[in-house]
Amino acid sequence: MSPADDIKHFLVTRDMTRRKTAVVELGTDYEAAQYAYQEAEQQARGLPHLDVVLLSSDSLETIKQTHSSYFEPKSLDELLSV
């Protein structure tokens, strides 16, 4: 198994008005992930409060660390425990 086989794709949709983020894990098939992303982009067209991105990483936890602006802020206790 190559390192690329370990990469998972995540469709992340941020509703900036409601301050909510939806995440769909799409697995390791990049072409299928691209298709899902294009579909989500089309559905979000004309809705400026939605931000749709396709992110790839080894885990959702890594995504939450590297793209923290898409997720709710952590409490002070959570920040200090890192």
PDB file of N, CA and C in Angstrom:
ATOM      1  N   MET A   1       0.846  -1.177   0.000  1.00  0.00           N
ATOM      2  CA  MET A   1       0.000   0.000   0.000  1.00  0.00           C
ATOM      3  C   MET A   1       0.893   1.243   0.000  1.00  0.00           C
ATOM      4  N   SER A   2       0.663   2.144  -0.916  1.00  0.00           N
ATOM      5  CA  SER A   2       1.462   3.360  -0.989  1.00  0.00           C
ATOM      6  C   SER A   2       0.882   4.419  -0.061  1.00  0.00           C
ATOM      7  N   PRO A   3       1.681   5.439   0.300  1.00  0.00           N
ATOM      8  CA  PRO A   3       1.164   6.512   1.162  1.00  0.00           C
ATOM      9  C   PRO A   3      -0.065   7.194   0.571  1.00  0.00           C
ATOM     10  N   ALA A   4      -0.156   7.280  -0.747  1.00  0.00           N
ATOM     11  CA  ALA A   4      -1.320   7.903  -1.382  1.00  0.00           C
ATOM     12  C   ALA A   4      -2.597   7.114  -1.094  1.00  0.00           C
ATOM     13  N   ASP A   5      -2.464   5.809  -0.871  1.00  0.00           N
ATOM     14  CA  ASP A   5      -3.633   4.984  -0.559  1.00  0.00           C
ATOM     15  C   ASP A   5      -4.222   5.307   0.810  1.00  0.00           C
ATOM     16  N   ASP A   6      -3.427   5.931   1.668  1.00  0.00           N
ATOM     17  CA  ASP A   6      -3.880   6.283   3.009  1.00  0.00           C
ATOM     18  C   ASP A   6      -4.592   7.632   3.051  1.00  0.00           C
ATOM     19  N   ILE A   7      -4.547   8.379   1.975  1.00  0.00           N
ATOM     20  CA  ILE A   7      -5.144   9.709   1.935  1.00  0.00           C
ATOM     21  C   ILE A   7      -6.655   9.590   1.739  1.00  0.00           C
ATOM     22  N   LYS A   8      -7.380  10.226   2.652  1.00  0.00           N
ATOM     23  CA  LYS A   8      -8.844  10.238   2.582  1.00  0.00           C
ATOM     24  C   LYS A   8      -9.289  11.625   2.109  1.00  0.00           C
ATOM     25  N   HIS A   9     -10.421  11.662   1.463  1.00  0.00           N
ATOM     26  CA  HIS A   9     -10.962  12.913   0.944  1.00  0.00           C
ATOM     27  C   HIS A   9     -12.207  13.282   1.737  1.00  0.00           C
ATOM     28  N   PHE A  10     -12.317  14.569   2.053  1.00  0.00           N
ATOM     29  CA  PHE A  10     -13.412  15.070   2.871  1.00  0.00           C
ATOM     30  C   PHE A  10     -14.078  16.245   2.165  1.00  0.00           C
ATOM     31  N   LEU A  11     -15.379  16.183   2.036  1.00  0.00           N
ATOM     32  CA  LEU A  11     -16.156  17.283   1.496  1.00  0.00           C
ATOM     33  C   LEU A  11     -16.626  18.106   2.685  1.00  0.00           C
ATOM     34  N   VAL A  12     -16.165  19.338   2.748  1.00  0.00           N
ATOM     35  CA  VAL A  12     -16.467  20.207   3.880  1.00  0.00           C
ATOM     36  C   VAL A  12     -17.329  21.366   3.382  1.00  0.00           C
ATOM     37  N   THR A  13     -18.476  21.546   4.015  1.00  0.00           N
ATOM     38  CA  THR A  13     -19.364  22.650   3.676  1.00  0.00           C
ATOM     39  C   THR A  13     -19.561  23.500   4.921  1.00  0.00           C
ATOM     40  N   ARG A  14     -19.185  24.756   4.813  1.00  0.00           N
ATOM     41  CA  ARG A  14     -19.316  25.691   5.934  1.00  0.00           C
ATOM     42  C   ARG A  14     -20.450  26.650   5.640  1.00  0.00           C
ATOM     43  N   ASP A  15     -21.441  26.678   6.528  1.00  0.00           N
ATOM     44  CA  ASP A  15     -22.527  27.648   6.451  1.00  0.00           C
ATOM     45  C   ASP A  15     -22.123  28.803   7.359  1.00  0.00           C
ATOM     46  N   MET A  16     -21.684  29.887   6.746  1.00  0.00           N
ATOM     47  CA  MET A  16     -21.152  31.001   7.524  1.00  0.00           C
ATOM     48  C   MET A  16     -22.231  31.770   8.279  1.00  0.00           C
ATOM     49  N   THR A  17     -23.469  31.709   7.808  1.00  0.00           N
ATOM     50  CA  THR A  17     -24.564  32.379   8.500  1.00  0.00           C
ATOM     51  C   THR A  17     -24.909  31.651   9.794  1.00  0.00           C
ATOM     52  N   ARG A  18     -25.033  30.347   9.710  1.00  0.00           N
ATOM     53  CA  ARG A  18     -25.396  29.539  10.884  1.00  0.00           C
ATOM     54  C   ARG A  18     -24.185  29.126  11.716  1.00  0.00           C
ATOM     55  N   ARG A  19     -22.979  29.348  11.178  1.00  0.00           N
ATOM     56  CA  ARG A  19     -21.733  28.961  11.845  1.00  0.00           C
ATOM     57  C   ARG A  19     -21.684  27.459  12.096  1.00  0.00           C
ATOM     58  N   LYS A  20     -22.097  26.698  11.068  1.00  0.00           N
ATOM     59  CA  LYS A  20     -22.110  25.235  11.142  1.00  0.00           C
ATOM     60  C   LYS A  20     -21.280  24.666   9.995  1.00  0.00           C
ATOM     61  N   THR A  21     -20.643  23.550  10.264  1.00  0.00           N
ATOM     62  CA  THR A  21     -19.843  22.861   9.260  1.00  0.00           C
ATOM     63  C   THR A  21     -20.316  21.430   9.132  1.00  0.00           C
ATOM     64  N   ALA A  22     -20.514  21.005   7.896  1.00  0.00           N
ATOM     65  CA  ALA A  22     -20.874  19.619   7.608  1.00  0.00           C
ATOM     66  C   ALA A  22     -19.684  18.960   6.912  1.00  0.00           C
ATOM     67  N   VAL A  23     -19.361  17.748   7.336  1.00  0.00           N
ATOM     68  CA  VAL A  23     -18.235  17.014   6.761  1.00  0.00           C
ATOM     69  C   VAL A  23     -18.724  15.664   6.283  1.00  0.00           C
ATOM     70  N   VAL A  24     -18.363  15.331   5.053  1.00  0.00           N
ATOM     71  CA  VAL A  24     -18.673  14.015   4.501  1.00  0.00           C
ATOM     72  C   VAL A  24     -17.349  13.365   4.125  1.00  0.00           C
ATOM     73  N   GLU A  25     -17.046  12.217   4.738  1.00  0.00           N
ATOM     74  CA  GLU A  25     -15.839  11.485   4.369  1.00  0.00           C
ATOM     75  C   GLU A  25     -16.138  10.710   3.089  1.00  0.00           C
ATOM     76  N   LEU A  26     -15.302  10.928   2.073  1.00  0.00           N
ATOM     77  CA  LEU A  26     -15.537  10.344   0.753  1.00  0.00           C
ATOM     78  C   LEU A  26     -14.620   9.171   0.440  1.00  0.00           C
ATOM     79  N   GLY A  27     -13.810   8.761   1.374  1.00  0.00           N
ATOM     80  CA  GLY A  27     -12.929   7.623   1.141  1.00  0.00           C
ATOM     81  C   GLY A  27     -11.662   8.014   0.391  1.00  0.00           C
ATOM     82  N   THR A  28     -11.056   7.043  -0.283  1.00  0.00           N
ATOM     83  CA  THR A  28      -9.750   7.252  -0.909  1.00  0.00           C
ATOM     84  C   THR A  28      -9.807   7.388  -2.426  1.00  0.00           C
ATOM     85  N   ASP A  29     -10.986   7.285  -3.015  1.00  0.00           N
ATOM     86  CA  ASP A  29     -11.134   7.385  -4.470  1.00  0.00           C
ATOM     87  C   ASP A  29     -11.194   8.859  -4.864  1.00  0.00           C
ATOM     88  N   TYR A  30     -10.096   9.355  -5.428  1.00  0.00           N
ATOM     89  CA  TYR A  30      -9.998  10.778  -5.754  1.00  0.00           C
ATOM     90  C   TYR A  30     -11.013  11.195  -6.821  1.00  0.00           C
ATOM     91  N   GLU A  31     -11.194  10.382  -7.838  1.00  0.00           N
ATOM     92  CA  GLU A  31     -12.132  10.743  -8.904  1.00  0.00           C
ATOM     93  C   GLU A  31     -13.562  10.830  -8.373  1.00  0.00           C
ATOM     94  N   ALA A  32     -13.956   9.906  -7.524  1.00  0.00           N
ATOM     95  CA  ALA A  32     -15.288   9.951  -6.923  1.00  0.00           C
ATOM     96  C   ALA A  32     -15.429  11.184  -6.023  1.00  0.00           C
ATOM     97  N   ALA A  33     -14.359  11.516  -5.313  1.00  0.00           N
ATOM     98  CA  ALA A  33     -14.374  12.700  -4.456  1.00  0.00           C
ATOM     99  C   ALA A  33     -14.526  13.971  -5.289  1.00  0.00           C
ATOM    100  N   GLN A  34     -13.827  14.038  -6.408  1.00  0.00           N
ATOM    101  CA  GLN A  34     -13.933  15.191  -7.307  1.00  0.00           C
ATOM    102  C   GLN A  34     -15.365  15.344  -7.823  1.00  0.00           C
ATOM    103  N   TYR A  35     -15.984  14.234  -8.172  1.00  0.00           N
ATOM    104  CA  TYR A  35     -17.355  14.262  -8.672  1.00  0.00           C
ATOM    105  C   TYR A  35     -18.301  14.774  -7.580  1.00  0.00           C
ATOM    106  N   ALA A  36     -18.156  14.265  -6.374  1.00  0.00           N
ATOM    107  CA  ALA A  36     -19.001  14.701  -5.256  1.00  0.00           C
ATOM    108  C   ALA A  36     -18.808  16.190  -4.983  1.00  0.00           C
ATOM    109  N   TYR A  37     -17.571  16.639  -5.083  1.00  0.00           N
ATOM    110  CA  TYR A  37     -17.278  18.062  -4.877  1.00  0.00           C
ATOM    111  C   TYR A  37     -17.964  18.920  -5.943  1.00  0.00           C
ATOM    112  N   GLN A  38     -17.879  18.513  -7.196  1.00  0.00           N
ATOM    113  CA  GLN A  38     -18.520  19.269  -8.274  1.00  0.00           C
ATOM    114  C   GLN A  38     -20.033  19.340  -8.072  1.00  0.00           C
ATOM    115  N   GLU A  39     -20.622  18.237  -7.644  1.00  0.00           N
ATOM    116  CA  GLU A  39     -22.064  18.208  -7.372  1.00  0.00           C
ATOM    117  C   GLU A  39     -22.419  19.174  -6.231  1.00  0.00           C
ATOM    118  N   ALA A  40     -21.627  19.162  -5.181  1.00  0.00           N
ATOM    119  CA  ALA A  40     -21.882  20.042  -4.037  1.00  0.00           C
ATOM    120  C   ALA A  40     -21.712  21.507  -4.436  1.00  0.00           C
ATOM    121  N   GLU A  41     -20.722  21.798  -5.248  1.00  0.00           N
ATOM    122  CA  GLU A  41     -20.510  23.167  -5.729  1.00  0.00           C
ATOM    123  C   GLU A  41     -21.712  23.645  -6.537  1.00  0.00           C
ATOM    124  N   GLN A  42     -22.251  22.780  -7.380  1.00  0.00           N
ATOM    125  CA  GLN A  42     -23.425  23.150  -8.175  1.00  0.00           C
ATOM    126  C   GLN A  42     -24.631  23.428  -7.268  1.00  0.00           C
ATOM    127  N   GLN A  43     -24.812  22.612  -6.248  1.00  0.00           N
ATOM    128  CA  GLN A  43     -25.934  22.810  -5.331  1.00  0.00           C
ATOM    129  C   GLN A  43     -25.782  24.101  -4.529  1.00  0.00           C
ATOM    130  N   ALA A  44     -24.550  24.501  -4.256  1.00  0.00           N
ATOM    131  CA  ALA A  44     -24.288  25.704  -3.462  1.00  0.00           C
ATOM    132  C   ALA A  44     -24.227  26.971  -4.319  1.00  0.00           C
ATOM    133  N   ARG A  45     -24.277  26.822  -5.631  1.00  0.00           N
ATOM    134  CA  ARG A  45     -24.216  27.980  -6.522  1.00  0.00           C
ATOM    135  C   ARG A  45     -25.365  28.928  -6.191  1.00  0.00           C
ATOM    136  N   GLY A  46     -25.034  30.204  -6.057  1.00  0.00           N
ATOM    137  CA  GLY A  46     -26.043  31.208  -5.734  1.00  0.00           C
ATOM    138  C   GLY A  46     -26.320  31.339  -4.246  1.00  0.00           C
ATOM    139  N   LEU A  47     -25.611  30.570  -3.440  1.00  0.00           N
ATOM    140  CA  LEU A  47     -25.759  30.644  -1.979  1.00  0.00           C
ATOM    141  C   LEU A  47     -24.436  31.133  -1.386  1.00  0.00           C
ATOM    142  N   PRO A  48     -24.241  32.450  -1.368  1.00  0.00           N
ATOM    143  CA  PRO A  48     -22.929  32.994  -0.969  1.00  0.00           C
ATOM    144  C   PRO A  48     -22.535  32.710   0.478  1.00  0.00           C
ATOM    145  N   HIS A  49     -23.475  32.290   1.306  1.00  0.00           N
ATOM    146  CA  HIS A  49     -23.154  31.986   2.704  1.00  0.00           C
ATOM    147  C   HIS A  49     -22.549  30.586   2.867  1.00  0.00           C
ATOM    148  N   LEU A  50     -22.530  29.803   1.778  1.00  0.00           N
ATOM    149  CA  LEU A  50     -21.952  28.457   1.841  1.00  0.00           C
ATOM    150  C   LEU A  50     -20.573  28.436   1.199  1.00  0.00           C
ATOM    151  N   ASP A  51     -19.657  27.796   1.870  1.00  0.00           N
ATOM    152  CA  ASP A  51     -18.299  27.603   1.355  1.00  0.00           C
ATOM    153  C   ASP A  51     -18.072  26.099   1.271  1.00  0.00           C
ATOM    154  N   VAL A  52     -17.850  25.599   0.055  1.00  0.00           N
ATOM    155  CA  VAL A  52     -17.679  24.167  -0.172  1.00  0.00           C
ATOM    156  C   VAL A  52     -16.234  23.917  -0.598  1.00  0.00           C
ATOM    157  N   VAL A  53     -15.560  23.006   0.103  1.00  0.00           N
ATOM    158  CA  VAL A  53     -14.176  22.669  -0.238  1.00  0.00           C
ATOM    159  C   VAL A  53     -13.991  21.155  -0.177  1.00  0.00           C
ATOM    160  N   LEU A  54     -13.053  20.680  -0.963  1.00  0.00           N
ATOM    161  CA  LEU A  54     -12.634  19.281  -0.924  1.00  0.00           C
ATOM    162  C   LEU A  54     -11.237  19.265  -0.338  1.00  0.00           C
ATOM    163  N   LEU A  55     -11.089  18.599   0.782  1.00  0.00           N
ATOM    164  CA  LEU A  55      -9.804  18.535   1.470  1.00  0.00           C
ATOM    165  C   LEU A  55      -9.357  17.087   1.579  1.00  0.00           C
ATOM    166  N   SER A  56      -8.058  16.875   1.496  1.00  0.00           N
ATOM    167  CA  SER A  56      -7.501  15.522   1.564  1.00  0.00           C
ATOM    168  C   SER A  56      -6.463  15.449   2.665  1.00  0.00           C
ATOM    169  N   SER A  57      -6.523  14.355   3.414  1.00  0.00           N
ATOM    170  CA  SER A  57      -5.609  14.190   4.542  1.00  0.00           C
ATOM    171  C   SER A  57      -5.664  12.747   5.027  1.00  0.00           C
ATOM    172  N   ASP A  58      -4.806  12.448   5.994  1.00  0.00           N
ATOM    173  CA  ASP A  58      -4.813  11.110   6.585  1.00  0.00           C
ATOM    174  C   ASP A  58      -5.991  10.916   7.539  1.00  0.00           C
ATOM    175  N   SER A  59      -6.552  12.036   8.075  1.00  0.00           N
ATOM    176  CA  SER A  59      -7.653  11.911   9.024  1.00  0.00           C
ATOM    177  C   SER A  59      -8.426  13.217   9.137  1.00  0.00           C
ATOM    178  N   LEU A  60      -9.631  13.123   9.663  1.00  0.00           N
ATOM    179  CA  LEU A  60     -10.429  14.315   9.917  1.00  0.00           C
ATOM    180  C   LEU A  60      -9.781  15.167  10.999  1.00  0.00           C
ATOM    181  N   GLU A  61      -9.151  14.542  11.963  1.00  0.00           N
ATOM    182  CA  GLU A  61      -8.479  15.303  13.023  1.00  0.00           C
ATOM    183  C   GLU A  61      -7.395  16.210  12.442  1.00  0.00           C
ATOM    184  N   THR A  62      -6.659  15.725  11.471  1.00  0.00           N
ATOM    185  CA  THR A  62      -5.640  16.557  10.824  1.00  0.00           C
ATOM    186  C   THR A  62      -6.306  17.724  10.105  1.00  0.00           C
ATOM    187  N   ILE A  63      -7.405  17.464   9.410  1.00  0.00           N
ATOM    188  CA  ILE A  63      -8.142  18.527   8.716  1.00  0.00           C
ATOM    189  C   ILE A  63      -8.581  19.598   9.719  1.00  0.00           C
ATOM    190  N   LYS A  64      -9.072  19.159  10.861  1.00  0.00           N
ATOM    191  CA  LYS A  64      -9.524  20.112  11.873  1.00  0.00           C
ATOM    192  C   LYS A  64      -8.385  20.974  12.398  1.00  0.00           C
ATOM    193  N   GLN A  65      -7.180  20.421  12.414  1.00  0.00           N
ATOM    194  CA  GLN A  65      -6.017  21.194  12.861  1.00  0.00           C
ATOM    195  C   GLN A  65      -5.525  22.139  11.770  1.00  0.00           C
ATOM    196  N   THR A  66      -5.452  21.655  10.545  1.00  0.00           N
ATOM    197  CA  THR A  66      -4.883  22.460   9.466  1.00  0.00           C
ATOM    198  C   THR A  66      -5.867  23.459   8.862  1.00  0.00           C
ATOM    199  N   HIS A  67      -7.151  23.227   9.050  1.00  0.00           N
ATOM    200  CA  HIS A  67      -8.185  24.110   8.502  1.00  0.00           C
ATOM    201  C   HIS A  67      -9.182  24.475   9.604  1.00  0.00           C
ATOM    202  N   SER A  68      -8.662  24.910  10.718  1.00  0.00           N
ATOM    203  CA  SER A  68      -9.486  25.150  11.908  1.00  0.00           C
ATOM    204  C   SER A  68     -10.548  26.227  11.699  1.00  0.00           C
ATOM    205  N   SER A  69     -10.362  27.105  10.736  1.00  0.00           N
ATOM    206  CA  SER A  69     -11.353  28.162  10.522  1.00  0.00           C
ATOM    207  C   SER A  69     -12.696  27.616  10.051  1.00  0.00           C
ATOM    208  N   TYR A  70     -12.736  26.389   9.557  1.00  0.00           N
ATOM    209  CA  TYR A  70     -13.994  25.776   9.139  1.00  0.00           C
ATOM    210  C   TYR A  70     -14.775  25.175  10.304  1.00  0.00           C
ATOM    211  N   PHE A  71     -14.141  25.104  11.457  1.00  0.00           N
ATOM    212  CA  PHE A  71     -14.754  24.427  12.594  1.00  0.00           C
ATOM    213  C   PHE A  71     -14.937  25.395  13.753  1.00  0.00           C
ATOM    214  N   GLU A  72     -15.847  25.052  14.645  1.00  0.00           N
ATOM    215  CA  GLU A  72     -16.130  25.916  15.785  1.00  0.00           C
ATOM    216  C   GLU A  72     -14.872  26.113  16.623  1.00  0.00           C
ATOM    217  N   PRO A  73     -14.728  27.300  17.172  1.00  0.00           N
ATOM    218  CA  PRO A  73     -13.558  27.536  18.030  1.00  0.00           C
ATOM    219  C   PRO A  73     -13.570  26.594  19.239  1.00  0.00           C
ATOM    220  N   LYS A  74     -12.405  26.225  19.635  1.00  0.00           N
ATOM    221  CA  LYS A  74     -12.283  25.362  20.808  1.00  0.00           C
ATOM    222  C   LYS A  74     -12.368  26.180  22.078  1.00  0.00           C
ATOM    223  N   SER A  75     -12.736  25.509  23.142  1.00  0.00           N
ATOM    224  CA  SER A  75     -12.751  26.173  24.435  1.00  0.00           C
ATOM    225  C   SER A  75     -11.308  26.400  24.895  1.00  0.00           C
ATOM    226  N   LEU A  76     -11.151  27.260  25.866  1.00  0.00           N
ATOM    227  CA  LEU A  76      -9.826  27.538  26.403  1.00  0.00           C
ATOM    228  C   LEU A  76      -9.182  26.271  26.960  1.00  0.00           C
ATOM    229  N   ASP A  77      -9.963  25.423  27.623  1.00  0.00           N
ATOM    230  CA  ASP A  77      -9.444  24.177  28.167  1.00  0.00           C
ATOM    231  C   ASP A  77      -8.926  23.267  27.049  1.00  0.00           C
ATOM    232  N   GLU A  78      -9.662  23.191  25.927  1.00  0.00           N
ATOM    233  CA  GLU A  78      -9.229  22.365  24.810  1.00  0.00           C
ATOM    234  C   GLU A  78      -7.939  22.902  24.197  1.00  0.00           C
ATOM    235  N   LEU A  79      -7.848  24.221  24.092  1.00  0.00           N
ATOM    236  CA  LEU A  79      -6.640  24.824  23.518  1.00  0.00           C
ATOM    237  C   LEU A  79      -5.423  24.585  24.393  1.00  0.00           C
ATOM    238  N   LEU A  80      -5.616  24.646  25.709  1.00  0.00           N
ATOM    239  CA  LEU A  80      -4.491  24.471  26.637  1.00  0.00           C
ATOM    240  C   LEU A  80      -4.065  23.020  26.771  1.00  0.00           C
ATOM    241  N   SER A  81      -4.920  22.086  26.392  1.00  0.00           N
ATOM    242  CA  SER A  81      -4.567  20.676  26.530  1.00  0.00           C
ATOM    243  C   SER A  81      -3.697  20.170  25.381  1.00  0.00           C
ATOM    244  N   VAL A  82      -3.487  20.963  24.365  1.00  0.00           N
ATOM    245  CA  VAL A  82      -2.704  20.546  23.200  1.00  0.00           C
ATOM    246  C   VAL A  82      -1.236  20.566  23.491  1.00  0.00           C
TER     247      VAL A  82
END
